[in-house]
Amino acid sequence: MSLCLQARQLACERDERWLFKGLDVDIRSGEVVRIEGPNGSGKTTLLKILSGQLTDYHGELIWNGEAMRQVREHFLANLLYLGHSPGVKTGLSALENLAWYQALDGQKDNQAVSWKALENVGLAGFEDVPAGQLSAGQQRRIALARLTLTPRILWVLDEPFTAIDRHGVAALEAQLVAHANNGGCVIVTTHHELSSSPALRRIQLG
């Protein structure tokens, strides 16, 4: 499936200050789009607008040629959003967290898929350990397992490299590029300098 997410004349004000005004964005399949800008420039706010979480803005969002308000359910069915917080239940094991994610997405608990997702992020052997006993980087990996667990064409990721070691950073970056090369799309904020890739495009704020 090809996708096209567009924003037209997007503007957002916070605390009597415009974070951005008159912003036009076109995001298509096959791209890794990095949102850049100094702290406070509105990167996370823009991600939340583009992922349909915030409605306090001016302008229009368009999904595959139709106004977002008319196709919101179809848009959400193709979206995976991971926020700056890993969003794991510390009292649940890594495997139980993935079962919880599957339930939230209306999926049946599929342990074979969950085991594979944890293996892909380097958590083989930690499946039954409560998340609260894992490091910050390992908790982040539980969240990142959703990239395999919950297939979606559009990934919106806020600082996904936080607390990840060098090996994990390289593996995640390769996964983002592979997703784009397979027809998906990634919108990401990160302090990590992404390697140059034909799929990489930048949008500067501030």
N, C-alpha and C. Protein backbone atom coordinates (compact mmCIF):
# COMPACT_ATOMS: atom_id res chain seq x y z
N MET A 1 0.84 -1.20 0.00
CA MET A 1 0.00 0.00 0.00
C MET A 1 0.88 1.25 0.00
N SER A 2 0.56 2.20 -0.87
CA SER A 2 1.25 3.48 -0.88
C SER A 2 0.51 4.44 0.03
N LEU A 3 1.26 5.30 0.69
CA LEU A 3 0.60 6.25 1.58
C LEU A 3 1.06 7.65 1.26
N CYS A 4 0.24 8.59 1.67
CA CYS A 4 0.61 9.98 1.56
C CYS A 4 -0.05 10.73 2.70
N LEU A 5 0.76 11.24 3.61
CA LEU A 5 0.29 12.07 4.72
C LEU A 5 0.74 13.49 4.44
N GLN A 6 -0.22 14.40 4.41
CA GLN A 6 0.08 15.79 4.10
C GLN A 6 -0.45 16.71 5.19
N ALA A 7 0.27 17.79 5.41
CA ALA A 7 -0.20 18.87 6.28
C ALA A 7 -0.15 20.15 5.47
N ARG A 8 -1.21 20.93 5.58
CA ARG A 8 -1.29 22.17 4.82
C ARG A 8 -1.50 23.35 5.77
N GLN A 9 -0.55 24.30 5.69
CA GLN A 9 -0.61 25.54 6.48
C GLN A 9 -0.78 25.22 7.98
N LEU A 10 0.00 24.28 8.44
CA LEU A 10 -0.08 23.84 9.83
C LEU A 10 0.53 24.90 10.74
N ALA A 11 -0.18 25.21 11.82
CA ALA A 11 0.31 26.19 12.79
C ALA A 11 -0.13 25.76 14.18
N CYS A 12 0.75 26.00 15.16
CA CYS A 12 0.43 25.62 16.53
C CYS A 12 1.03 26.64 17.49
N GLU A 13 0.23 27.08 18.44
CA GLU A 13 0.64 28.09 19.41
C GLU A 13 0.62 27.48 20.80
N ARG A 14 1.66 27.75 21.58
CA ARG A 14 1.73 27.32 22.97
C ARG A 14 2.25 28.47 23.81
N ASP A 15 1.55 28.75 24.91
CA ASP A 15 1.98 29.82 25.84
C ASP A 15 2.22 31.13 25.12
N GLU A 16 1.27 31.49 24.26
CA GLU A 16 1.30 32.73 23.51
C GLU A 16 2.53 32.85 22.60
N ARG A 17 3.03 31.71 22.15
CA ARG A 17 4.17 31.69 21.24
C ARG A 17 3.89 30.67 20.14
N TRP A 18 4.13 31.08 18.91
CA TRP A 18 3.94 30.16 17.79
C TRP A 18 5.12 29.20 17.71
N LEU A 19 4.84 27.91 17.80
CA LEU A 19 5.90 26.93 17.61
C LEU A 19 6.25 26.83 16.13
N PHE A 20 5.23 26.84 15.29
CA PHE A 20 5.44 26.87 13.84
C PHE A 20 4.18 27.43 13.19
N LYS A 21 4.35 28.03 12.03
CA LYS A 21 3.23 28.61 11.28
C LYS A 21 3.44 28.34 9.80
N GLY A 22 2.31 28.14 9.08
CA GLY A 22 2.38 27.99 7.64
C GLY A 22 3.20 26.80 7.17
N LEU A 23 3.20 25.72 7.97
CA LEU A 23 4.04 24.56 7.66
C LEU A 23 3.31 23.62 6.71
N ASP A 24 3.92 23.36 5.57
CA ASP A 24 3.41 22.37 4.61
C ASP A 24 4.31 21.14 4.65
N VAL A 25 3.71 19.97 4.77
CA VAL A 25 4.46 18.73 4.88
C VAL A 25 3.86 17.71 3.93
N ASP A 26 4.72 17.01 3.18
CA ASP A 26 4.30 15.89 2.34
C ASP A 26 5.18 14.70 2.70
N ILE A 27 4.56 13.63 3.17
CA ILE A 27 5.30 12.44 3.60
C ILE A 27 4.75 11.24 2.85
N ARG A 28 5.63 10.51 2.19
CA ARG A 28 5.18 9.42 1.32
C ARG A 28 5.90 8.11 1.66
N SER A 29 5.37 7.04 1.13
CA SER A 29 5.99 5.73 1.30
C SER A 29 7.45 5.78 0.85
N GLY A 30 8.29 5.00 1.53
CA GLY A 30 9.69 4.90 1.15
C GLY A 30 10.59 5.93 1.77
N GLU A 31 10.08 6.70 2.75
CA GLU A 31 10.87 7.75 3.36
C GLU A 31 11.09 7.52 4.85
N VAL A 32 12.26 7.95 5.33
CA VAL A 32 12.51 8.17 6.74
C VAL A 32 12.63 9.68 6.90
N VAL A 33 11.66 10.29 7.58
CA VAL A 33 11.60 11.75 7.70
C VAL A 33 12.00 12.13 9.12
N ARG A 34 13.11 12.83 9.24
CA ARG A 34 13.60 13.27 10.55
C ARG A 34 13.15 14.71 10.81
N ILE A 35 12.41 14.90 11.90
CA ILE A 35 12.01 16.25 12.32
C ILE A 35 13.12 16.81 13.19
N GLU A 36 13.69 17.94 12.78
CA GLU A 36 14.84 18.52 13.48
C GLU A 36 14.49 19.90 14.02
N GLY A 37 15.26 20.32 15.02
CA GLY A 37 15.09 21.65 15.58
C GLY A 37 15.58 21.69 17.00
N PRO A 38 15.83 22.88 17.53
CA PRO A 38 16.29 23.00 18.91
C PRO A 38 15.19 22.61 19.89
N ASN A 39 15.59 22.38 21.14
CA ASN A 39 14.60 22.07 22.17
C ASN A 39 13.57 23.19 22.25
N GLY A 40 12.30 22.82 22.35
CA GLY A 40 11.24 23.81 22.43
C GLY A 40 10.72 24.28 21.09
N SER A 41 11.23 23.72 20.00
CA SER A 41 10.80 24.17 18.67
C SER A 41 9.51 23.50 18.21
N GLY A 42 9.04 22.50 18.97
CA GLY A 42 7.75 21.89 18.65
C GLY A 42 7.84 20.54 17.97
N LYS A 43 8.96 19.86 18.09
CA LYS A 43 9.13 18.57 17.40
C LYS A 43 8.11 17.53 17.89
N THR A 44 8.04 17.36 19.21
CA THR A 44 7.09 16.39 19.76
C THR A 44 5.66 16.81 19.48
N THR A 45 5.38 18.09 19.58
CA THR A 45 4.04 18.59 19.27
C THR A 45 3.66 18.27 17.83
N LEU A 46 4.59 18.47 16.91
CA LEU A 46 4.32 18.16 15.51
C LEU A 46 4.04 16.67 15.32
N LEU A 47 4.83 15.82 15.99
CA LEU A 47 4.59 14.39 15.88
C LEU A 47 3.19 14.03 16.37
N LYS A 48 2.79 14.64 17.47
CA LYS A 48 1.47 14.32 18.03
C LYS A 48 0.34 14.83 17.14
N ILE A 49 0.56 15.94 16.47
CA ILE A 49 -0.43 16.43 15.51
C ILE A 49 -0.51 15.48 14.32
N LEU A 50 0.64 15.13 13.77
CA LEU A 50 0.67 14.26 12.59
C LEU A 50 0.12 12.87 12.88
N SER A 51 0.20 12.44 14.16
CA SER A 51 -0.33 11.12 14.52
C SER A 51 -1.76 11.20 15.05
N GLY A 52 -2.37 12.37 14.97
CA GLY A 52 -3.78 12.49 15.33
C GLY A 52 -4.07 12.58 16.81
N GLN A 53 -3.05 12.84 17.64
CA GLN A 53 -3.25 12.89 19.08
C GLN A 53 -3.64 14.27 19.58
N LEU A 54 -3.23 15.31 18.87
CA LEU A 54 -3.55 16.68 19.26
C LEU A 54 -4.47 17.29 18.21
N THR A 55 -5.45 18.02 18.68
CA THR A 55 -6.39 18.69 17.78
C THR A 55 -6.33 20.20 17.91
N ASP A 56 -5.50 20.69 18.84
CA ASP A 56 -5.40 22.13 19.08
C ASP A 56 -4.34 22.72 18.14
N TYR A 57 -4.72 22.88 16.88
CA TYR A 57 -3.80 23.43 15.88
C TYR A 57 -4.63 24.05 14.76
N HIS A 58 -3.96 24.81 13.92
CA HIS A 58 -4.58 25.38 12.72
C HIS A 58 -4.03 24.64 11.50
N GLY A 59 -4.82 24.59 10.45
CA GLY A 59 -4.38 23.93 9.23
C GLY A 59 -5.16 22.65 8.98
N GLU A 60 -4.69 21.89 8.03
CA GLU A 60 -5.42 20.70 7.61
C GLU A 60 -4.47 19.52 7.45
N LEU A 61 -4.92 18.35 7.89
CA LEU A 61 -4.23 17.10 7.65
C LEU A 61 -4.97 16.31 6.59
N ILE A 62 -4.21 15.69 5.71
CA ILE A 62 -4.79 14.95 4.58
C ILE A 62 -4.13 13.57 4.53
N TRP A 63 -4.96 12.54 4.45
CA TRP A 63 -4.46 11.17 4.37
C TRP A 63 -4.89 10.57 3.04
N ASN A 64 -3.92 10.28 2.18
CA ASN A 64 -4.18 9.70 0.87
C ASN A 64 -5.25 10.47 0.10
N GLY A 65 -5.12 11.79 0.14
CA GLY A 65 -5.98 12.63 -0.67
C GLY A 65 -7.31 13.02 -0.04
N GLU A 66 -7.59 12.52 1.18
CA GLU A 66 -8.85 12.84 1.85
C GLU A 66 -8.60 13.51 3.20
N ALA A 67 -9.50 14.40 3.56
CA ALA A 67 -9.37 15.10 4.85
C ALA A 67 -9.31 14.09 5.99
N MET A 68 -8.38 14.30 6.90
CA MET A 68 -8.16 13.36 7.99
C MET A 68 -9.43 13.08 8.79
N ARG A 69 -10.24 14.09 8.99
CA ARG A 69 -11.46 13.91 9.80
C ARG A 69 -12.42 12.90 9.17
N GLN A 70 -12.31 12.70 7.87
CA GLN A 70 -13.20 11.77 7.17
C GLN A 70 -12.65 10.35 7.12
N VAL A 71 -11.35 10.19 7.33
CA VAL A 71 -10.73 8.85 7.19
C VAL A 71 -9.87 8.52 8.42
N ARG A 72 -10.24 9.07 9.56
CA ARG A 72 -9.42 8.92 10.76
C ARG A 72 -9.22 7.44 11.13
N GLU A 73 -10.28 6.65 11.08
CA GLU A 73 -10.16 5.25 11.48
C GLU A 73 -9.20 4.50 10.55
N HIS A 74 -9.28 4.76 9.27
CA HIS A 74 -8.37 4.11 8.32
C HIS A 74 -6.94 4.55 8.58
N PHE A 75 -6.75 5.83 8.88
CA PHE A 75 -5.42 6.34 9.20
C PHE A 75 -4.85 5.64 10.43
N LEU A 76 -5.63 5.57 11.51
CA LEU A 76 -5.15 4.97 12.76
C LEU A 76 -4.84 3.49 12.58
N ALA A 77 -5.56 2.82 11.69
CA ALA A 77 -5.31 1.40 11.44
C ALA A 77 -3.97 1.17 10.74
N ASN A 78 -3.39 2.24 10.19
CA ASN A 78 -2.10 2.13 9.50
C ASN A 78 -0.96 2.79 10.27
N LEU A 79 -1.22 3.22 11.52
CA LEU A 79 -0.28 4.01 12.30
C LEU A 79 0.24 3.24 13.51
N LEU A 80 1.55 3.36 13.75
CA LEU A 80 2.15 2.92 15.01
C LEU A 80 2.92 4.10 15.58
N TYR A 81 2.50 4.55 16.77
CA TYR A 81 3.15 5.69 17.43
C TYR A 81 3.86 5.18 18.68
N LEU A 82 5.13 5.53 18.81
CA LEU A 82 5.89 5.26 20.03
C LEU A 82 6.39 6.58 20.58
N GLY A 83 5.98 6.91 21.80
CA GLY A 83 6.34 8.18 22.40
C GLY A 83 7.71 8.15 23.06
N HIS A 84 8.08 9.29 23.62
CA HIS A 84 9.39 9.43 24.27
C HIS A 84 9.51 8.49 25.47
N SER A 85 8.41 8.30 26.20
CA SER A 85 8.39 7.32 27.29
C SER A 85 8.19 5.93 26.70
N PRO A 86 8.89 4.90 27.22
CA PRO A 86 8.73 3.57 26.65
C PRO A 86 7.33 3.00 26.80
N GLY A 87 6.58 3.45 27.84
CA GLY A 87 5.19 3.02 27.98
C GLY A 87 5.04 1.55 28.30
N VAL A 88 5.92 1.02 29.16
CA VAL A 88 5.81 -0.38 29.56
C VAL A 88 5.24 -0.47 30.97
N LYS A 89 4.59 -1.58 31.26
CA LYS A 89 4.08 -1.87 32.59
C LYS A 89 5.19 -2.55 33.38
N THR A 90 5.72 -1.85 34.40
CA THR A 90 6.89 -2.38 35.09
C THR A 90 6.60 -3.64 35.89
N GLY A 91 5.35 -3.87 36.25
CA GLY A 91 4.99 -5.07 36.99
C GLY A 91 4.79 -6.29 36.12
N LEU A 92 4.79 -6.08 34.81
CA LEU A 92 4.61 -7.18 33.86
C LEU A 92 5.97 -7.58 33.27
N SER A 93 6.09 -8.83 32.89
CA SER A 93 7.30 -9.27 32.20
C SER A 93 7.32 -8.70 30.79
N ALA A 94 8.46 -8.85 30.12
CA ALA A 94 8.56 -8.41 28.73
C ALA A 94 7.50 -9.09 27.87
N LEU A 95 7.34 -10.39 28.06
CA LEU A 95 6.36 -11.15 27.27
C LEU A 95 4.94 -10.70 27.60
N GLU A 96 4.66 -10.45 28.86
CA GLU A 96 3.32 -10.00 29.27
C GLU A 96 3.03 -8.60 28.73
N ASN A 97 4.05 -7.75 28.66
CA ASN A 97 3.85 -6.43 28.07
C ASN A 97 3.44 -6.54 26.62
N LEU A 98 4.06 -7.46 25.88
CA LEU A 98 3.69 -7.61 24.47
C LEU A 98 2.28 -8.16 24.33
N ALA A 99 1.88 -9.05 25.24
CA ALA A 99 0.49 -9.54 25.22
C ALA A 99 -0.47 -8.38 25.48
N TRP A 100 -0.08 -7.48 26.38
CA TRP A 100 -0.89 -6.29 26.68
C TRP A 100 -0.99 -5.39 25.45
N TYR A 101 0.14 -5.19 24.74
CA TYR A 101 0.11 -4.40 23.51
C TYR A 101 -0.83 -5.03 22.49
N GLN A 102 -0.76 -6.35 22.36
CA GLN A 102 -1.62 -7.03 21.39
C GLN A 102 -3.09 -6.84 21.75
N ALA A 103 -3.40 -6.90 23.05
CA ALA A 103 -4.79 -6.71 23.48
C ALA A 103 -5.26 -5.29 23.15
N LEU A 104 -4.40 -4.31 23.38
CA LEU A 104 -4.75 -2.92 23.07
C LEU A 104 -5.04 -2.73 21.59
N ASP A 105 -4.33 -3.49 20.75
CA ASP A 105 -4.53 -3.39 19.30
C ASP A 105 -5.63 -4.31 18.79
N GLY A 106 -6.32 -4.99 19.73
CA GLY A 106 -7.39 -5.89 19.32
C GLY A 106 -6.89 -7.18 18.71
N GLN A 107 -5.64 -7.53 18.98
CA GLN A 107 -5.07 -8.77 18.46
C GLN A 107 -5.15 -9.87 19.51
N LYS A 108 -5.15 -11.09 19.05
CA LYS A 108 -5.05 -12.22 19.96
C LYS A 108 -3.61 -12.37 20.41
N ASP A 109 -3.43 -12.84 21.65
CA ASP A 109 -2.10 -13.08 22.18
C ASP A 109 -1.42 -14.18 21.36
N ASN A 110 -0.34 -13.83 20.72
CA ASN A 110 0.40 -14.78 19.89
C ASN A 110 1.83 -14.84 20.42
N GLN A 111 2.10 -15.84 21.27
CA GLN A 111 3.39 -15.89 21.92
C GLN A 111 4.53 -16.14 20.95
N ALA A 112 4.29 -16.90 19.88
CA ALA A 112 5.34 -17.14 18.90
C ALA A 112 5.80 -15.83 18.26
N VAL A 113 4.84 -14.98 17.92
CA VAL A 113 5.17 -13.67 17.35
C VAL A 113 5.86 -12.81 18.40
N SER A 114 5.39 -12.87 19.65
CA SER A 114 5.99 -12.07 20.72
C SER A 114 7.43 -12.48 20.99
N TRP A 115 7.69 -13.78 21.04
CA TRP A 115 9.05 -14.28 21.25
C TRP A 115 9.97 -13.78 20.14
N LYS A 116 9.48 -13.85 18.90
CA LYS A 116 10.29 -13.39 17.76
C LYS A 116 10.56 -11.90 17.86
N ALA A 117 9.56 -11.13 18.26
CA ALA A 117 9.72 -9.68 18.38
C ALA A 117 10.76 -9.34 19.44
N LEU A 118 10.74 -10.05 20.57
CA LEU A 118 11.73 -9.82 21.63
C LEU A 118 13.12 -10.25 21.18
N GLU A 119 13.18 -11.34 20.45
CA GLU A 119 14.48 -11.78 19.92
C GLU A 119 15.07 -10.74 18.98
N ASN A 120 14.21 -10.14 18.17
CA ASN A 120 14.66 -9.14 17.20
C ASN A 120 15.27 -7.91 17.87
N VAL A 121 14.84 -7.60 19.10
CA VAL A 121 15.38 -6.43 19.79
C VAL A 121 16.40 -6.81 20.85
N GLY A 122 16.88 -8.05 20.80
CA GLY A 122 17.94 -8.45 21.71
C GLY A 122 17.52 -8.79 23.11
N LEU A 123 16.27 -9.19 23.30
CA LEU A 123 15.78 -9.52 24.64
C LEU A 123 15.53 -11.01 24.80
N ALA A 124 16.08 -11.83 23.93
CA ALA A 124 15.98 -13.27 24.13
C ALA A 124 16.64 -13.63 25.46
N GLY A 125 15.92 -14.39 26.27
CA GLY A 125 16.41 -14.73 27.60
C GLY A 125 15.87 -13.84 28.69
N PHE A 126 15.21 -12.74 28.32
CA PHE A 126 14.64 -11.81 29.29
C PHE A 126 13.11 -11.80 29.23
N GLU A 127 12.54 -12.78 28.55
CA GLU A 127 11.10 -12.77 28.28
C GLU A 127 10.26 -12.72 29.54
N ASP A 128 10.70 -13.42 30.59
CA ASP A 128 9.89 -13.56 31.80
C ASP A 128 10.34 -12.66 32.94
N VAL A 129 11.28 -11.77 32.66
CA VAL A 129 11.77 -10.85 33.70
C VAL A 129 10.83 -9.65 33.79
N PRO A 130 10.36 -9.29 35.00
CA PRO A 130 9.53 -8.09 35.13
C PRO A 130 10.25 -6.87 34.57
N ALA A 131 9.53 -6.06 33.83
CA ALA A 131 10.15 -4.90 33.19
C ALA A 131 10.79 -3.97 34.20
N GLY A 132 10.24 -3.91 35.41
CA GLY A 132 10.81 -3.04 36.44
C GLY A 132 12.20 -3.45 36.87
N GLN A 133 12.60 -4.68 36.58
CA GLN A 133 13.94 -5.16 36.92
C GLN A 133 14.92 -5.00 35.76
N LEU A 134 14.45 -4.50 34.65
CA LEU A 134 15.29 -4.31 33.47
C LEU A 134 15.83 -2.88 33.44
N SER A 135 16.92 -2.70 32.69
CA SER A 135 17.50 -1.37 32.53
C SER A 135 16.60 -0.49 31.67
N ALA A 136 16.91 0.80 31.66
CA ALA A 136 16.13 1.72 30.83
C ALA A 136 16.22 1.34 29.36
N GLY A 137 17.41 0.92 28.92
CA GLY A 137 17.56 0.51 27.54
C GLY A 137 16.77 -0.74 27.21
N GLN A 138 16.72 -1.68 28.15
CA GLN A 138 15.94 -2.90 27.92
C GLN A 138 14.45 -2.60 27.91
N GLN A 139 14.00 -1.68 28.75
CA GLN A 139 12.59 -1.28 28.71
C GLN A 139 12.26 -0.62 27.38
N ARG A 140 13.20 0.18 26.87
CA ARG A 140 12.99 0.79 25.56
C ARG A 140 12.88 -0.29 24.48
N ARG A 141 13.66 -1.36 24.61
CA ARG A 141 13.63 -2.43 23.63
C ARG A 141 12.27 -3.15 23.64
N ILE A 142 11.66 -3.26 24.83
CA ILE A 142 10.32 -3.85 24.88
C ILE A 142 9.36 -3.04 24.01
N ALA A 143 9.42 -1.71 24.16
CA ALA A 143 8.56 -0.85 23.35
C ALA A 143 8.88 -1.01 21.86
N LEU A 144 10.16 -1.07 21.53
CA LEU A 144 10.56 -1.18 20.12
C LEU A 144 10.17 -2.51 19.51
N ALA A 145 9.93 -3.51 20.35
CA ALA A 145 9.46 -4.80 19.83
C ALA A 145 8.13 -4.65 19.11
N ARG A 146 7.41 -3.60 19.41
CA ARG A 146 6.12 -3.37 18.74
C ARG A 146 6.30 -3.14 17.25
N LEU A 147 7.47 -2.70 16.82
CA LEU A 147 7.70 -2.48 15.39
C LEU A 147 7.56 -3.79 14.61
N THR A 148 7.89 -4.90 15.27
CA THR A 148 7.69 -6.22 14.68
C THR A 148 6.34 -6.79 15.06
N LEU A 149 5.93 -6.56 16.29
CA LEU A 149 4.71 -7.16 16.83
C LEU A 149 3.45 -6.63 16.14
N THR A 150 3.44 -5.34 15.85
CA THR A 150 2.24 -4.67 15.34
C THR A 150 2.53 -4.08 13.97
N PRO A 151 2.36 -4.83 12.90
CA PRO A 151 2.70 -4.34 11.56
C PRO A 151 1.84 -3.12 11.18
N ARG A 152 2.51 -2.03 10.89
CA ARG A 152 1.85 -0.80 10.44
C ARG A 152 2.72 -0.18 9.36
N ILE A 153 2.12 0.50 8.42
CA ILE A 153 2.89 1.10 7.33
C ILE A 153 3.53 2.41 7.75
N LEU A 154 2.89 3.15 8.68
CA LEU A 154 3.40 4.45 9.11
C LEU A 154 3.88 4.35 10.55
N TRP A 155 5.17 4.60 10.77
CA TRP A 155 5.74 4.65 12.11
C TRP A 155 6.03 6.10 12.48
N VAL A 156 5.53 6.53 13.64
CA VAL A 156 5.83 7.85 14.17
C VAL A 156 6.54 7.64 15.50
N LEU A 157 7.81 8.01 15.57
CA LEU A 157 8.66 7.63 16.69
C LEU A 157 9.33 8.86 17.30
N ASP A 158 9.12 9.06 18.59
CA ASP A 158 9.68 10.20 19.31
C ASP A 158 10.88 9.73 20.14
N GLU A 159 12.07 10.11 19.70
CA GLU A 159 13.33 9.76 20.38
C GLU A 159 13.45 8.25 20.63
N PRO A 160 13.34 7.42 19.61
CA PRO A 160 13.39 5.97 19.83
C PRO A 160 14.76 5.43 20.22
N PHE A 161 15.83 6.21 19.99
CA PHE A 161 17.18 5.73 20.30
C PHE A 161 17.59 5.98 21.75
N THR A 162 16.73 6.63 22.54
CA THR A 162 17.07 6.96 23.92
C THR A 162 17.41 5.70 24.71
N ALA A 163 18.54 5.73 25.41
CA ALA A 163 19.01 4.67 26.31
C ALA A 163 19.42 3.39 25.60
N ILE A 164 19.48 3.41 24.26
CA ILE A 164 19.88 2.23 23.50
C ILE A 164 21.40 2.25 23.29
N ASP A 165 22.06 1.09 23.46
CA ASP A 165 23.50 1.02 23.26
C ASP A 165 23.85 1.08 21.78
N ARG A 166 25.15 1.14 21.50
CA ARG A 166 25.61 1.36 20.12
C ARG A 166 25.13 0.26 19.18
N HIS A 167 25.18 -0.98 19.63
CA HIS A 167 24.71 -2.09 18.79
C HIS A 167 23.22 -1.95 18.51
N GLY A 168 22.46 -1.60 19.55
CA GLY A 168 21.02 -1.43 19.37
C GLY A 168 20.69 -0.27 18.46
N VAL A 169 21.47 0.81 18.55
CA VAL A 169 21.25 1.96 17.67
C VAL A 169 21.43 1.57 16.21
N ALA A 170 22.51 0.84 15.92
CA ALA A 170 22.77 0.43 14.54
C ALA A 170 21.66 -0.49 14.02
N ALA A 171 21.21 -1.41 14.89
CA ALA A 171 20.15 -2.35 14.47
C ALA A 171 18.84 -1.61 14.22
N LEU A 172 18.51 -0.64 15.09
CA LEU A 172 17.26 0.10 14.92
C LEU A 172 17.31 0.97 13.68
N GLU A 173 18.44 1.62 13.46
CA GLU A 173 18.54 2.47 12.26
C GLU A 173 18.37 1.62 11.00
N ALA A 174 18.98 0.45 10.98
CA ALA A 174 18.82 -0.44 9.82
C ALA A 174 17.37 -0.87 9.66
N GLN A 175 16.67 -1.08 10.79
CA GLN A 175 15.26 -1.47 10.73
C GLN A 175 14.40 -0.35 10.15
N LEU A 176 14.69 0.89 10.51
CA LEU A 176 13.93 2.02 9.98
C LEU A 176 14.11 2.13 8.47
N VAL A 177 15.36 2.01 8.03
CA VAL A 177 15.64 2.10 6.59
C VAL A 177 14.99 0.94 5.84
N ALA A 178 15.06 -0.26 6.42
CA ALA A 178 14.45 -1.43 5.77
C ALA A 178 12.94 -1.25 5.65
N HIS A 179 12.32 -0.67 6.69
CA HIS A 179 10.88 -0.44 6.64
C HIS A 179 10.53 0.50 5.50
N ALA A 180 11.31 1.57 5.36
CA ALA A 180 11.07 2.51 4.25
C ALA A 180 11.31 1.84 2.90
N ASN A 181 12.37 1.06 2.81
CA ASN A 181 12.68 0.39 1.54
C ASN A 181 11.61 -0.62 1.14
N ASN A 182 10.86 -1.11 2.14
CA ASN A 182 9.77 -2.06 1.87
C ASN A 182 8.43 -1.36 1.65
N GLY A 183 8.47 -0.04 1.48
CA GLY A 183 7.26 0.70 1.18
C GLY A 183 6.60 1.38 2.35
N GLY A 184 7.21 1.24 3.54
CA GLY A 184 6.68 1.92 4.71
C GLY A 184 7.20 3.34 4.81
N CYS A 185 6.86 3.98 5.90
CA CYS A 185 7.30 5.36 6.13
C CYS A 185 7.57 5.55 7.60
N VAL A 186 8.63 6.31 7.92
CA VAL A 186 9.01 6.59 9.30
C VAL A 186 9.11 8.10 9.48
N ILE A 187 8.44 8.62 10.52
CA ILE A 187 8.62 10.00 10.94
C ILE A 187 9.25 9.94 12.33
N VAL A 188 10.40 10.58 12.52
CA VAL A 188 11.15 10.37 13.74
C VAL A 188 11.78 11.67 14.24
N THR A 189 11.84 11.83 15.55
CA THR A 189 12.70 12.82 16.17
C THR A 189 13.80 12.06 16.89
N THR A 190 15.01 12.59 16.84
CA THR A 190 16.11 11.93 17.52
C THR A 190 17.29 12.88 17.63
N HIS A 191 18.03 12.75 18.74
CA HIS A 191 19.29 13.47 18.89
C HIS A 191 20.43 12.68 18.25
N HIS A 192 20.15 11.44 17.87
CA HIS A 192 21.15 10.62 17.19
C HIS A 192 21.24 11.06 15.72
N GLU A 193 22.44 11.21 15.24
CA GLU A 193 22.64 11.62 13.85
C GLU A 193 22.49 10.41 12.95
N LEU A 194 21.39 10.36 12.23
CA LEU A 194 21.13 9.23 11.34
C LEU A 194 22.12 9.22 10.19
N SER A 195 22.55 8.03 9.81
CA SER A 195 23.45 7.89 8.68
C SER A 195 22.74 8.32 7.40
N SER A 196 23.51 8.80 6.47
CA SER A 196 22.93 9.21 5.19
C SER A 196 22.34 7.99 4.49
N SER A 197 21.17 8.17 3.94
CA SER A 197 20.48 7.11 3.22
C SER A 197 19.59 7.76 2.17
N PRO A 198 19.42 7.12 1.03
CA PRO A 198 18.51 7.68 0.02
C PRO A 198 17.10 7.88 0.56
N ALA A 199 16.74 7.11 1.61
CA ALA A 199 15.39 7.22 2.17
C ALA A 199 15.23 8.39 3.12
N LEU A 200 16.37 8.98 3.57
CA LEU A 200 16.32 9.98 4.64
C LEU A 200 16.00 11.37 4.09
N ARG A 201 15.02 12.03 4.73
CA ARG A 201 14.70 13.42 4.43
C ARG A 201 14.53 14.17 5.74
N ARG A 202 14.81 15.44 5.75
CA ARG A 202 14.78 16.23 6.98
C ARG A 202 13.77 17.37 6.87
N ILE A 203 13.10 17.63 7.99
CA ILE A 203 12.21 18.79 8.10
C ILE A 203 12.71 19.60 9.30
N GLN A 204 13.05 20.85 9.05
CA GLN A 204 13.65 21.69 10.08
C GLN A 204 12.61 22.60 10.71
N LEU A 205 12.57 22.61 12.05
CA LEU A 205 11.71 23.53 12.79
C LEU A 205 12.60 24.51 13.56
N GLY A 206 12.04 25.68 13.85
CA GLY A 206 12.75 26.63 14.67
C GLY A 206 13.87 27.36 13.94
